[in-house]
Amino acid sequence: MPIKTVKFGGSSLADANQFKKVAAIINADPDRRFVVPSAPGKRFKEDTKVTDMLYDCYAAVDTDDFDRLFEAIKERFNGIIEGLGLDMSLEKEYEKIRNSMILHAGRDYAASRGEYLSGKILSYYLNIPFIDAAKVIFFREDGSFDSERTDEVLSEKLKQYEHAVIPGFYGVRPNDTIKTFSRGGSDITGAIVARAARADLYENWTDVSGFCAADPRIVENPKYIDVITYRELRELSYMGASVLHEDSIFPVRVAAIPINIRNTNSPDDKGTLIVDSIRDNLGATVTGIAGKKGFCSITVEKDMMNSAVGFGRKILQVFEKHGVSFEHIPSGIDSVSVVVTEASVAGKEKAIKEDIYSIIDPDRFELERDLALISVVGRGMVRKHGISAKLFTGLAEAGVNVRMIDQGASELNIIVGVSEKDFEKAIKAIYDSFNANGFFDVK
C-alpha cells in the first residue's frame, strides 16, 4: 500500500472550517496515512497566529496580562472544537500548559503547544492515533537535530500504525526539555516523518497552488512551476522564496522522496512537484526568480593579485576571524569582492578594514551598502542561448544598474546585485523579459 505523508500549514488549520477541508483531503485518499499539523494561523489579515499568541503569553507570564492572554489562546482552540461539533475537552491540557508556563518551562515549550493542541484536535476529529513529537523527534544537548536517532525511533514507531497524527515544529532534548525548529519548522517535521515512514510522496498543503516563478507580492499573477528539482528549490528558498522551509528539503532528499506543494483551498489543483532529478531535462528554461535585500559588498583591489599565492585565503581568514560568513565572491584579475549580509558585519566594518590592510595592504578598499541580490534559477539555462542577454537587456530597459554579477559553477543560477531601491523594479523587469520570450514555458 503506497504511503503519503501530509503536512498542513497554519492557514490550512486556522479555524474549524479549515479543519473540515483538511479532513476531507485526508479522507479522500487512503494513502494519506501520516499527518503533520501546524498551529492555527491567521483567520483574516489582521488576526494573530497562535504561535505568536503563545510567545506573547509566555513573555507576560509574570505580569497581570498573563491570564488574559492565556484565555485568548484557549478561546481559539475551543472555538475550533465547537465549530467541529466535537465532544472533547482540552481543559486538562490547558491546565498543564498554564502551570508549565508559570514554572518557566521555556519559550520553546510554550511555542510548541500550538502544534501539540492542533494535533490533539485533528487526531480526535479524524479518529486516528496521536503521536507526541517529543517521544520520537530528538535534538542533541547542543540543540542540533539528531537525524539518525530520530529516523530509527520514529520509523519503528510508525510501523505500528496504519494512520497517525504527529504535530510539527518541535522535539525533545536529552534532558526532556522541548526544543523547536526555526519558524516554519513544521515543514521540517513533515519531511522527517516522510523519511521515517519511507513514504512514496510528501504532500505539503498550504494556501497557494504551488511554487510561483516569482514573488506574487511583486509580480502580478506569476506562473506556477509544474516541476522543480531539489537543487533548484534550495537555491530559490535560500534567496527568499518562502513557500517551503529550506531545511525541509534534506530529510526527503536523502530518501529521494518527491514533495508535492498543494493548496488546501483548491485541492484539485495539481500544485508543484519537487523531485531529485529529471532525466530527460525537459521543462522550462528558467524555473524561477527570487531575491533578498540586506547585503553589502567589500571590494579589495591590489595589482598582481592573481599571481599572489594565498591572497584569497588571507582575505577570507579576516572574515572568519570576525565570525562573518560570505555569500558570494565575484573576482577579477586584480580585485575580489566579498558579499556578506549587512547584519553580519554591523559594528565590525572598521576592524575588518584594519585587518585587511595589515595583512595584504590593498591598493583600494571599498564597502558598498544597500545591496539586494536576485537569483535566476533554472536547470534548462545551461542548454539555452540568450539567457544573459535577455536578463541584462530587461534590466537596462527598466533603468536598473547592475552592481554585481555572479554565476554558480553548475550554471544552475545567475545572480545579480542591484541597489535595494531598485529591487522590486528589477524582479519585475527580469520576469517580464523572460516571460515575453517564453522562458517559463514548459518545453
Protein backbone atom coordinates (compact mmCIF):
# COMPACT_ATOMS: atom_id res chain seq x y z
CA MET A 1 0.00 0.00 0.00
CA PRO A 2 1.51 3.37 -1.01
CA ILE A 3 2.30 5.82 1.76
CA LYS A 4 1.83 9.57 1.67
CA THR A 5 2.88 11.90 4.47
CA VAL A 6 0.82 15.08 4.50
CA LYS A 7 1.68 18.32 6.27
CA PHE A 8 -0.81 21.16 6.71
CA GLY A 9 0.31 24.73 7.36
CA GLY A 10 -1.18 27.26 9.75
CA SER A 11 -3.50 28.81 7.18
CA SER A 12 -4.87 25.33 6.44
CA LEU A 13 -5.85 24.92 10.11
CA ALA A 14 -6.80 28.47 11.04
CA ASP A 15 -10.37 27.66 12.11
CA ALA A 16 -12.97 24.91 12.18
CA ASN A 17 -13.91 25.38 8.55
CA GLN A 18 -10.29 24.87 7.52
CA PHE A 19 -10.08 21.76 9.73
CA LYS A 20 -13.04 20.37 7.79
CA LYS A 21 -11.23 20.98 4.48
CA VAL A 22 -8.16 19.20 5.83
CA ALA A 23 -10.21 16.20 6.97
CA ALA A 24 -11.89 15.97 3.56
CA ILE A 25 -8.48 15.97 1.84
CA ILE A 26 -7.13 13.23 4.12
CA ASN A 27 -10.25 11.07 3.85
CA ALA A 28 -10.30 11.41 0.05
CA ASP A 29 -7.12 9.33 -0.29
CA PRO A 30 -6.41 6.27 1.90
CA ASP A 31 -2.72 6.60 1.01
CA ARG A 32 -2.56 9.80 3.13
CA ARG A 33 -1.59 7.94 6.25
CA PHE A 34 0.62 10.19 8.37
CA VAL A 35 -0.48 13.74 9.10
CA VAL A 36 1.68 16.61 10.39
CA PRO A 37 -0.28 19.70 11.52
CA SER A 38 0.93 23.23 12.23
CA ALA A 39 -0.53 25.56 14.85
CA PRO A 40 -3.59 27.53 13.69
CA GLY A 41 -2.60 30.53 11.59
CA LYS A 42 -4.37 33.75 10.75
CA ARG A 43 -8.11 33.62 10.05
CA PHE A 44 -8.01 37.05 8.43
CA LYS A 45 -5.36 39.66 7.62
CA GLU A 46 -5.38 41.45 10.99
CA ASP A 47 -5.53 38.24 13.00
CA THR A 48 -2.68 36.81 15.11
CA LYS A 49 -1.15 33.38 14.60
CA VAL A 50 -1.49 31.06 17.59
CA THR A 51 2.30 30.64 17.77
CA ASP A 52 2.69 34.40 18.19
CA MET A 53 -0.07 34.39 20.82
CA LEU A 54 1.88 31.73 22.74
CA TYR A 55 5.13 33.69 22.52
CA ASP A 56 3.36 36.81 23.80
CA CYS A 57 1.67 34.87 26.58
CA TYR A 58 4.92 33.34 27.78
CA ALA A 59 6.63 36.73 27.74
CA ALA A 60 3.85 38.01 30.05
CA VAL A 61 3.95 35.09 32.49
CA ASP A 62 4.97 37.28 35.44
CA THR A 63 2.59 40.12 34.59
CA ASP A 64 -1.10 40.89 35.04
CA ASP A 65 -1.66 40.24 31.31
CA PHE A 66 -0.82 36.54 31.51
CA ASP A 67 -4.28 35.20 32.37
CA ARG A 68 -5.98 37.37 29.74
CA LEU A 69 -3.57 36.23 27.02
CA PHE A 70 -3.85 32.59 28.04
CA GLU A 71 -7.65 32.75 27.94
CA ALA A 72 -7.47 34.12 24.40
CA ILE A 73 -5.44 31.07 23.35
CA LYS A 74 -8.00 28.75 24.96
CA GLU A 75 -10.78 30.56 23.10
CA ARG A 76 -9.06 29.94 19.76
CA PHE A 77 -8.85 26.21 20.31
CA ASN A 78 -12.26 25.91 21.98
CA GLY A 79 -13.74 27.77 19.02
CA ILE A 80 -12.33 25.14 16.67
CA ILE A 81 -13.64 22.30 18.85
CA GLU A 82 -17.10 23.87 18.99
CA GLY A 83 -17.11 24.59 15.26
CA LEU A 84 -16.31 20.95 14.54
CA GLY A 85 -19.07 19.78 16.89
CA LEU A 86 -16.66 17.62 18.86
CA ASP A 87 -17.42 16.07 22.22
CA MET A 88 -13.95 16.67 23.62
CA SER A 89 -12.30 18.88 26.20
CA LEU A 90 -8.74 20.17 26.39
CA GLU A 91 -9.11 21.58 29.91
CA LYS A 92 -6.58 19.19 31.44
CA GLU A 93 -4.10 20.07 28.69
CA TYR A 94 -4.70 23.79 29.21
CA GLU A 95 -4.08 23.46 32.94
CA LYS A 96 -0.86 21.54 32.40
CA ILE A 97 0.38 24.09 29.85
CA ARG A 98 -0.58 27.03 32.07
CA ASN A 99 1.23 25.58 35.08
CA SER A 100 4.30 24.76 33.00
CA MET A 101 4.44 28.31 31.69
CA ILE A 102 4.18 29.72 35.20
CA LEU A 103 7.09 27.47 36.19
CA HIS A 104 9.07 28.89 33.23
CA ALA A 105 9.22 25.69 31.17
CA GLY A 106 10.79 27.66 28.35
CA ARG A 107 9.89 29.72 25.31
CA ASP A 108 10.25 26.70 23.02
CA TYR A 109 7.84 24.70 25.17
CA ALA A 110 5.27 27.48 25.07
CA ALA A 111 5.51 27.92 21.29
CA SER A 112 5.27 24.17 20.63
CA ARG A 113 1.89 23.88 22.34
CA GLY A 114 0.14 25.34 19.30
CA GLU A 115 1.08 22.33 17.17
CA TYR A 116 0.51 19.98 20.08
CA LEU A 117 -3.08 21.14 20.69
CA SER A 118 -3.80 21.38 16.97
CA GLY A 119 -2.65 17.77 16.62
CA LYS A 120 -4.81 16.66 19.53
CA ILE A 121 -7.93 18.15 17.92
CA LEU A 122 -7.15 16.78 14.46
CA SER A 123 -6.43 13.32 15.85
CA TYR A 124 -9.77 13.27 17.67
CA TYR A 125 -11.65 14.64 14.65
CA LEU A 126 -10.13 12.08 12.27
CA ASN A 127 -10.33 9.29 14.86
CA ILE A 128 -6.72 8.25 14.29
CA PRO A 129 -3.87 7.90 16.84
CA PHE A 130 -1.83 10.85 18.13
CA ILE A 131 1.96 10.53 18.48
CA ASP A 132 3.62 13.25 20.54
CA ALA A 133 6.63 14.57 18.63
CA ALA A 134 8.51 14.80 21.94
CA LYS A 135 8.56 10.98 22.01
CA VAL A 136 10.02 10.47 18.54
CA ILE A 137 11.93 13.58 17.38
CA PHE A 138 15.25 14.22 19.08
CA PHE A 139 17.73 17.04 19.47
CA ARG A 140 21.21 16.80 20.91
CA GLU A 141 22.31 18.66 24.03
CA ASP A 142 23.76 21.48 21.91
CA GLY A 143 20.40 21.99 20.19
CA SER A 144 21.30 20.36 16.87
CA PHE A 145 18.84 17.92 15.34
CA ASP A 146 19.68 14.25 15.85
CA SER A 147 18.68 12.94 12.43
CA GLU A 148 19.73 9.32 12.69
CA ARG A 149 18.32 8.63 16.14
CA THR A 150 15.05 10.27 15.14
CA ASP A 151 14.80 8.23 11.96
CA GLU A 152 15.49 4.99 13.82
CA VAL A 153 12.96 5.58 16.61
CA LEU A 154 10.28 7.24 14.50
CA SER A 155 10.49 4.61 11.77
CA GLU A 156 9.89 1.81 14.27
CA LYS A 157 7.04 3.76 15.85
CA LEU A 158 5.24 4.41 12.55
CA LYS A 159 5.38 0.71 11.65
CA GLN A 160 2.91 0.16 14.50
CA TYR A 161 0.26 2.41 12.95
CA GLU A 162 -1.84 2.45 9.80
CA HIS A 163 -2.53 6.17 10.32
CA ALA A 164 -1.29 8.75 12.81
CA VAL A 165 -1.09 12.46 13.60
CA ILE A 166 2.36 13.78 14.57
CA PRO A 167 2.46 17.52 15.46
CA GLY A 168 5.09 19.61 13.71
CA PHE A 169 7.72 22.14 14.82
CA TYR A 170 9.18 20.51 17.95
CA GLY A 171 11.06 17.64 19.50
CA VAL A 172 12.95 16.98 22.74
CA ARG A 173 16.47 17.40 24.15
CA PRO A 174 18.24 14.69 26.20
CA ASN A 175 17.15 16.46 29.41
CA ASP A 176 13.48 16.12 28.36
CA THR A 177 13.01 19.83 27.63
CA ILE A 178 11.18 20.83 24.47
CA LYS A 179 13.21 22.19 21.55
CA THR A 180 11.65 23.75 18.44
CA PHE A 181 12.91 24.07 14.92
CA SER A 182 13.09 27.60 13.47
CA ARG A 183 9.81 29.27 12.50
CA GLY A 184 8.09 27.36 9.75
CA GLY A 185 9.65 24.20 11.15
CA SER A 186 6.54 22.06 10.68
CA ASP A 187 7.76 21.68 7.08
CA ILE A 188 10.87 20.04 8.53
CA THR A 189 8.83 17.71 10.73
CA GLY A 190 6.76 16.69 7.72
CA ALA A 191 9.90 15.79 5.80
CA ILE A 192 11.31 13.89 8.80
CA VAL A 193 8.10 11.87 9.09
CA ALA A 194 8.05 11.21 5.34
CA ARG A 195 11.57 9.83 5.51
CA ALA A 196 10.85 7.69 8.58
CA ALA A 197 7.65 6.34 7.00
CA ARG A 198 9.56 5.52 3.79
CA ALA A 199 6.81 7.46 2.07
CA ASP A 200 6.24 7.45 -1.66
CA LEU A 201 5.24 11.13 -1.58
CA TYR A 202 5.38 14.07 0.85
CA GLU A 203 2.42 16.41 0.32
CA ASN A 204 2.87 19.87 1.80
CA TRP A 205 -0.50 21.63 1.93
CA THR A 206 -0.58 25.41 2.22
CA ASP A 207 -2.62 28.35 0.88
CA VAL A 208 -1.08 28.59 -2.59
CA SER A 209 -1.33 26.24 -5.58
CA GLY A 210 2.35 25.52 -5.77
CA PHE A 211 5.60 27.37 -6.18
CA CYS A 212 5.44 30.61 -8.16
CA ALA A 213 8.12 31.58 -10.67
CA ALA A 214 8.41 34.94 -8.87
CA ASP A 215 7.10 36.56 -5.70
CA PRO A 216 3.37 37.30 -6.29
CA ARG A 217 3.69 40.31 -3.98
CA ILE A 218 5.99 41.86 -6.58
CA VAL A 219 4.90 40.29 -9.87
CA GLU A 220 1.21 40.20 -10.68
CA ASN A 221 -0.08 36.68 -11.38
CA PRO A 222 3.25 34.94 -11.94
CA LYS A 223 3.21 31.49 -13.48
CA TYR A 224 3.26 28.42 -11.28
CA ILE A 225 6.12 25.96 -11.54
CA ASP A 226 4.98 22.47 -12.56
CA VAL A 227 8.14 20.54 -11.66
CA ILE A 228 11.28 21.68 -9.86
CA THR A 229 14.36 19.81 -8.65
CA TYR A 230 15.60 19.82 -5.06
CA ARG A 231 18.67 21.79 -6.13
CA GLU A 232 16.58 24.49 -7.79
CA LEU A 233 14.28 24.70 -4.80
CA ARG A 234 17.24 25.02 -2.46
CA GLU A 235 18.59 27.94 -4.50
CA LEU A 236 15.23 29.73 -4.63
CA SER A 237 14.39 29.09 -0.97
CA TYR A 238 17.76 30.40 0.14
CA MET A 239 17.20 33.57 -1.87
CA GLY A 240 13.88 34.31 -0.24
CA ALA A 241 11.19 32.18 -1.88
CA SER A 242 9.09 31.22 1.13
CA VAL A 243 6.59 28.51 0.21
CA LEU A 244 8.68 25.78 1.82
CA HIS A 245 11.19 25.91 4.69
CA GLU A 246 14.59 25.42 3.02
CA ASP A 247 15.82 22.94 5.67
CA SER A 248 12.87 20.65 4.97
CA ILE A 249 14.44 19.55 1.70
CA PHE A 250 17.22 17.47 3.21
CA PRO A 251 15.33 14.65 5.04
CA VAL A 252 13.32 13.78 1.93
CA ARG A 253 16.19 14.31 -0.48
CA VAL A 254 18.23 11.69 1.40
CA ALA A 255 15.43 9.22 0.74
CA ALA A 256 14.63 10.52 -2.79
CA ILE A 257 11.02 11.23 -1.80
CA PRO A 258 9.19 13.70 -4.07
CA ILE A 259 7.44 16.70 -2.50
CA ASN A 260 4.11 17.99 -3.79
CA ILE A 261 3.12 21.54 -2.82
CA ARG A 262 -0.69 21.70 -2.76
CA ASN A 263 -3.43 24.21 -1.93
CA THR A 264 -5.86 23.30 0.86
CA ASN A 265 -8.40 25.77 -0.52
CA SER A 266 -8.09 24.42 -4.10
CA PRO A 267 -7.40 20.71 -3.59
CA ASP A 268 -7.97 19.83 -7.25
CA ASP A 269 -5.01 21.97 -8.37
CA LYS A 270 -2.03 19.73 -9.13
CA GLY A 271 0.47 22.06 -7.43
CA THR A 272 4.24 21.89 -7.81
CA LEU A 273 6.14 18.61 -7.79
CA ILE A 274 9.66 18.70 -6.33
CA VAL A 275 11.90 15.85 -7.46
CA ASP A 276 15.51 14.73 -7.14
CA SER A 277 16.22 14.93 -10.87
CA ILE A 278 14.59 14.97 -14.28
CA ARG A 279 16.36 12.56 -16.58
CA ASP A 280 15.19 13.95 -19.89
CA ASN A 281 15.98 17.50 -18.74
CA LEU A 282 12.65 18.74 -20.06
CA GLY A 283 10.82 21.66 -18.53
CA ALA A 284 11.05 25.41 -18.56
CA THR A 285 14.32 27.14 -19.44
CA VAL A 286 14.04 29.34 -16.35
CA THR A 287 12.41 27.79 -13.31
CA GLY A 288 12.10 30.84 -11.07
CA ILE A 289 13.38 34.15 -9.77
CA ALA A 290 13.95 35.07 -6.13
CA GLY A 291 15.89 37.67 -4.19
CA LYS A 292 16.66 39.28 -0.87
CA LYS A 293 17.73 42.66 0.45
CA GLY A 294 20.19 43.42 3.22
CA PHE A 295 23.59 42.70 1.67
CA CYS A 296 26.80 44.66 1.31
CA SER A 297 29.94 44.15 -0.74
CA ILE A 298 33.52 44.61 0.42
CA THR A 299 35.85 45.03 -2.56
CA VAL A 300 39.62 44.78 -2.34
CA GLU A 301 41.94 45.75 -5.22
CA LYS A 302 45.67 45.10 -5.50
CA ASP A 303 47.95 44.96 -8.54
CA MET A 304 49.14 41.47 -9.48
CA MET A 305 46.68 39.91 -7.06
CA ASN A 306 46.17 36.95 -9.39
CA SER A 307 49.81 35.89 -9.08
CA ALA A 308 49.97 36.22 -5.28
CA VAL A 309 49.55 32.74 -3.83
CA GLY A 310 47.20 32.68 -0.82
CA PHE A 311 45.73 36.13 -1.47
CA GLY A 312 42.10 34.94 -1.33
CA ARG A 313 42.72 32.76 1.69
CA LYS A 314 44.17 35.68 3.64
CA ILE A 315 41.12 37.84 2.90
CA LEU A 316 38.67 35.12 3.92
CA GLN A 317 40.59 34.46 7.12
CA VAL A 318 39.83 38.03 8.16
CA PHE A 319 36.12 37.40 7.78
CA GLU A 320 36.43 34.09 9.60
CA LYS A 321 38.26 35.82 12.46
CA HIS A 322 35.30 38.19 12.92
CA GLY A 323 32.68 35.44 12.64
CA VAL A 324 31.36 36.57 9.25
CA SER A 325 30.36 34.04 6.59
CA PHE A 326 30.35 35.10 2.94
CA GLU A 327 27.54 34.75 0.42
CA HIS A 328 29.39 35.22 -2.87
CA ILE A 329 32.92 36.07 -4.05
CA PRO A 330 32.97 37.56 -7.57
CA SER A 331 36.52 38.38 -8.65
CA GLY A 332 38.71 39.89 -11.36
CA ILE A 333 42.42 39.78 -12.13
CA ASP A 334 43.32 42.47 -9.61
CA SER A 335 40.20 42.61 -7.46
CA VAL A 336 37.92 40.49 -5.35
CA SER A 337 34.55 41.29 -3.78
CA VAL A 338 33.19 39.53 -0.73
CA VAL A 339 29.40 39.78 -0.47
CA VAL A 340 28.03 39.42 3.06
CA THR A 341 24.86 40.32 4.92
CA GLU A 342 24.87 43.80 6.40
CA ALA A 343 23.74 42.38 9.73
CA SER A 344 26.77 40.08 9.95
CA VAL A 345 29.30 42.94 9.65
CA ALA A 346 27.41 45.55 11.67
CA GLY A 347 29.86 47.15 14.09
CA LYS A 348 32.79 45.17 12.63
CA GLU A 349 33.48 47.22 9.49
CA LYS A 350 36.38 49.21 10.90
CA ALA A 351 38.10 46.16 12.40
CA ILE A 352 37.73 44.17 9.18
CA LYS A 353 39.19 47.02 7.15
CA GLU A 354 42.14 47.41 9.52
CA ASP A 355 42.89 43.67 9.45
CA ILE A 356 42.75 43.51 5.66
CA TYR A 357 45.15 46.46 5.38
CA SER A 358 47.53 44.90 7.88
CA ILE A 359 47.60 41.56 6.07
CA ILE A 360 47.63 42.44 2.35
CA ASP A 361 47.94 46.27 2.15
CA PRO A 362 45.42 46.68 -0.73
CA ASP A 363 45.53 49.48 -3.29
CA ARG A 364 41.81 50.10 -2.69
CA PHE A 365 39.22 49.04 -0.13
CA GLU A 366 35.54 49.82 -0.68
CA LEU A 367 32.41 48.95 1.26
CA GLU A 368 29.14 49.19 -0.70
CA ARG A 369 25.91 49.06 1.26
CA ASP A 370 22.21 48.72 0.38
CA LEU A 371 22.74 45.79 -1.95
CA ALA A 372 19.97 43.40 -2.97
CA LEU A 373 20.70 40.04 -4.62
CA ILE A 374 18.45 38.46 -7.25
CA SER A 375 18.91 34.87 -8.38
CA VAL A 376 17.65 33.49 -11.69
CA VAL A 377 17.43 29.70 -11.35
CA GLY A 378 16.83 27.02 -13.95
CA ARG A 379 18.19 23.62 -14.86
CA GLY A 380 17.42 24.43 -18.52
CA MET A 381 19.57 27.56 -18.69
CA VAL A 382 22.73 25.60 -19.50
CA ARG A 383 21.31 24.49 -22.87
CA LYS A 384 19.66 27.79 -23.89
CA HIS A 385 21.33 30.68 -25.69
CA GLY A 386 20.45 34.27 -24.86
CA ILE A 387 19.66 33.95 -21.15
CA SER A 388 22.17 36.61 -20.06
CA ALA A 389 21.22 38.86 -22.97
CA LYS A 390 17.54 38.85 -22.02
CA LEU A 391 18.39 39.30 -18.35
CA PHE A 392 20.59 42.36 -18.79
CA THR A 393 18.50 43.85 -21.59
CA GLY A 394 15.44 43.70 -19.36
CA LEU A 395 17.28 45.42 -16.53
CA ALA A 396 18.74 48.08 -18.82
CA GLU A 397 15.36 48.90 -20.34
CA ALA A 398 13.94 49.28 -16.82
CA GLY A 399 16.76 51.68 -15.88
CA VAL A 400 18.28 49.31 -13.30
CA ASN A 401 22.04 49.47 -12.80
CA VAL A 402 23.74 46.12 -12.13
CA ARG A 403 26.29 46.39 -9.30
CA MET A 404 27.40 42.75 -9.17
CA ILE A 405 27.27 39.64 -11.37
CA ASP A 406 27.97 36.08 -10.27
CA GLN A 407 27.20 32.70 -11.83
CA GLY A 408 27.17 29.42 -9.99
CA ALA A 409 29.70 26.80 -11.05
CA SER A 410 26.89 24.42 -12.03
CA GLU A 411 25.32 27.05 -14.32
CA LEU A 412 22.09 26.44 -12.42
CA ASN A 413 21.77 30.09 -11.47
CA ILE A 414 22.84 33.62 -12.33
CA ILE A 415 22.97 36.16 -9.50
CA VAL A 416 22.89 39.92 -9.96
CA GLY A 417 23.28 42.61 -7.34
CA VAL A 418 21.26 45.81 -7.57
CA SER A 419 20.55 48.74 -5.29
CA GLU A 420 17.87 47.97 -2.73
CA LYS A 421 15.75 50.82 -4.10
CA ASP A 422 15.66 49.02 -7.47
CA PHE A 423 14.88 45.56 -6.05
CA GLU A 424 11.18 45.27 -6.89
CA LYS A 425 11.63 47.00 -10.24
CA ALA A 426 14.45 44.59 -11.13
CA ILE A 427 12.40 41.50 -10.23
CA LYS A 428 9.54 42.69 -12.44
CA ALA A 429 11.87 43.58 -15.32
CA ILE A 430 13.60 40.18 -15.27
CA TYR A 431 10.31 38.28 -15.03
CA ASP A 432 8.70 40.27 -17.85
CA SER A 433 11.72 39.83 -20.11
CA PHE A 434 11.85 36.06 -19.64
CA ASN A 435 8.07 35.64 -19.78
CA ALA A 436 7.81 37.57 -23.04
CA ASN A 437 10.36 35.22 -24.58
CA GLY A 438 8.72 32.01 -23.35
CA PHE A 439 11.49 31.06 -20.93
CA PHE A 440 8.97 29.99 -18.26
CA ASP A 441 7.02 27.78 -20.69
CA VAL A 442 7.41 24.03 -20.35
CA LYS A 443 9.04 22.57 -23.45
